[in-house]
Amino acid sequence: MNGWHETYNDFPGPDVVCGHLQTIAVPPAPADPPDACRDCLSEGTTWVELRACLVCRQTRCCESSPRRHATAHFEQTGHAVMANQSGGYQWGWCYVDGMPLSPDAD
């Protein structure tokens, strides 16, 4: 469908679905910018890891970063689903449903 699905692992349970998966851009747009938090760059601050909005693909810094721009992006736009942009393990999150997401297998 859009490349992502709910990750259960008994949380919150197989009978719960994320109502925001349909907002994911298909096909996904390239991340903008892919390797930096634009807000941190303009403020002169640093980030720990990056998150990409799965709706508009803007890249912002994570919850562990001092400025938490990914959360601010969600609060300003209502774009509820994001994904890890820092490499390594692929995972996503829905802010509204508090639900982990996983990419579909290729």
Protein backbone atom coordinates (compact mmCIF):
# COMPACT_ATOMS: atom_id res chain seq x y z
CA MET A 1 0.00 0.00 0.00
CA ASN A 2 2.31 2.80 1.21
CA GLY A 3 5.35 0.88 2.42
CA TRP A 4 4.61 0.89 6.17
CA HIS A 5 2.57 -1.13 8.66
CA GLU A 6 1.90 -1.28 12.39
CA THR A 7 4.51 -3.01 14.55
CA TYR A 8 2.74 -4.94 17.26
CA ASN A 9 5.07 -6.99 19.45
CA ASP A 10 2.05 -7.07 21.77
CA PHE A 11 1.94 -3.26 21.85
CA PRO A 12 -0.72 -2.04 21.55
CA GLY A 13 -2.14 -5.27 20.06
CA PRO A 14 -3.12 -6.80 16.72
CA ASP A 15 -6.65 -5.42 16.92
CA VAL A 16 -5.42 -1.80 16.92
CA VAL A 17 -4.60 -0.05 13.65
CA CYS A 18 -2.92 3.25 12.91
CA GLY A 19 -5.43 5.54 11.27
CA HIS A 20 -2.67 7.72 9.86
CA LEU A 21 -0.91 5.28 7.54
CA GLN A 22 -3.05 6.54 4.65
CA THR A 23 -1.41 9.98 4.99
CA ILE A 24 2.00 8.63 3.95
CA ALA A 25 3.13 10.04 0.61
CA VAL A 26 3.10 7.46 -2.18
CA PRO A 27 5.51 7.41 -3.87
CA PRO A 28 7.67 8.86 -1.13
CA ALA A 29 9.27 12.17 -1.88
CA PRO A 30 13.01 12.51 -1.28
CA ALA A 31 13.83 13.66 2.24
CA ASP A 32 14.50 17.39 2.41
CA PRO A 33 17.28 17.77 3.41
CA PRO A 34 18.20 14.09 3.83
CA ASP A 35 21.13 14.45 6.20
CA ALA A 36 20.44 17.50 8.39
CA CYS A 37 17.79 19.21 10.46
CA ARG A 38 17.03 22.42 8.58
CA ASP A 39 15.82 24.13 11.75
CA CYS A 40 18.98 23.21 13.69
CA LEU A 41 21.11 24.49 10.81
CA SER A 42 19.30 27.85 10.77
CA GLU A 43 19.52 28.15 14.59
CA GLY A 44 23.12 26.99 14.83
CA THR A 45 22.15 24.11 17.14
CA THR A 46 23.00 20.41 16.90
CA TRP A 47 20.98 17.20 16.69
CA VAL A 48 21.40 13.65 17.99
CA GLU A 49 19.47 11.74 15.31
CA LEU A 50 17.15 12.66 12.46
CA ARG A 51 13.52 11.83 11.68
CA ALA A 52 11.78 12.19 8.32
CA CYS A 53 8.11 13.15 8.12
CA LEU A 54 6.43 10.41 6.07
CA VAL A 55 3.80 12.85 4.84
CA CYS A 56 5.96 15.67 3.43
CA ARG A 57 9.46 14.17 3.94
CA GLN A 58 10.91 17.13 5.81
CA THR A 59 13.83 16.06 7.98
CA ARG A 60 13.95 17.23 11.59
CA CYS A 61 15.82 16.31 14.78
CA CYS A 62 14.65 13.64 17.24
CA GLU A 63 13.29 13.66 20.78
CA SER A 64 16.79 13.25 22.23
CA SER A 65 17.97 16.41 20.48
CA PRO A 66 17.85 19.66 22.45
CA ARG A 67 15.28 21.38 20.19
CA ARG A 68 13.04 18.39 19.25
CA HIS A 69 12.12 19.80 15.84
CA ALA A 70 10.40 16.61 14.60
CA THR A 71 7.85 16.89 17.41
CA ALA A 72 7.43 20.61 16.69
CA HIS A 73 6.80 19.75 13.02
CA PHE A 74 4.04 17.33 14.05
CA GLU A 75 2.50 19.88 16.42
CA GLN A 76 2.53 22.61 13.74
CA THR A 77 1.36 20.52 10.76
CA GLY A 78 -0.55 17.57 12.19
CA HIS A 79 1.65 15.21 10.12
CA ALA A 80 1.45 12.25 12.48
CA VAL A 81 3.85 9.67 11.03
CA MET A 82 7.65 9.84 10.90
CA ALA A 83 10.56 7.49 10.33
CA ASN A 84 14.13 7.16 11.51
CA GLN A 85 16.39 9.02 9.06
CA SER A 86 19.72 8.39 10.79
CA GLY A 87 20.50 5.00 9.29
CA GLY A 88 20.68 1.66 11.00
CA TYR A 89 17.45 0.00 12.05
CA GLN A 90 14.42 1.17 10.04
CA TRP A 91 11.41 2.11 12.15
CA GLY A 92 8.65 4.68 12.29
CA TRP A 93 6.25 6.21 14.80
CA CYS A 94 2.75 7.63 14.82
CA TYR A 95 2.57 10.55 17.24
CA VAL A 96 -1.23 10.46 17.50
CA ASP A 97 -1.72 6.73 18.03
CA GLY A 98 1.53 6.27 19.98
CA MET A 99 2.23 3.30 17.74
CA PRO A 100 5.51 1.94 16.38
CA LEU A 101 5.65 1.35 12.61
CA SER A 102 7.81 -0.88 10.43
CA PRO A 103 8.60 -0.69 6.73
CA ASP A 104 7.04 -3.36 4.55
CA ALA A 105 9.36 -6.11 3.32
CA ASP A 106 10.68 -5.52 -0.20
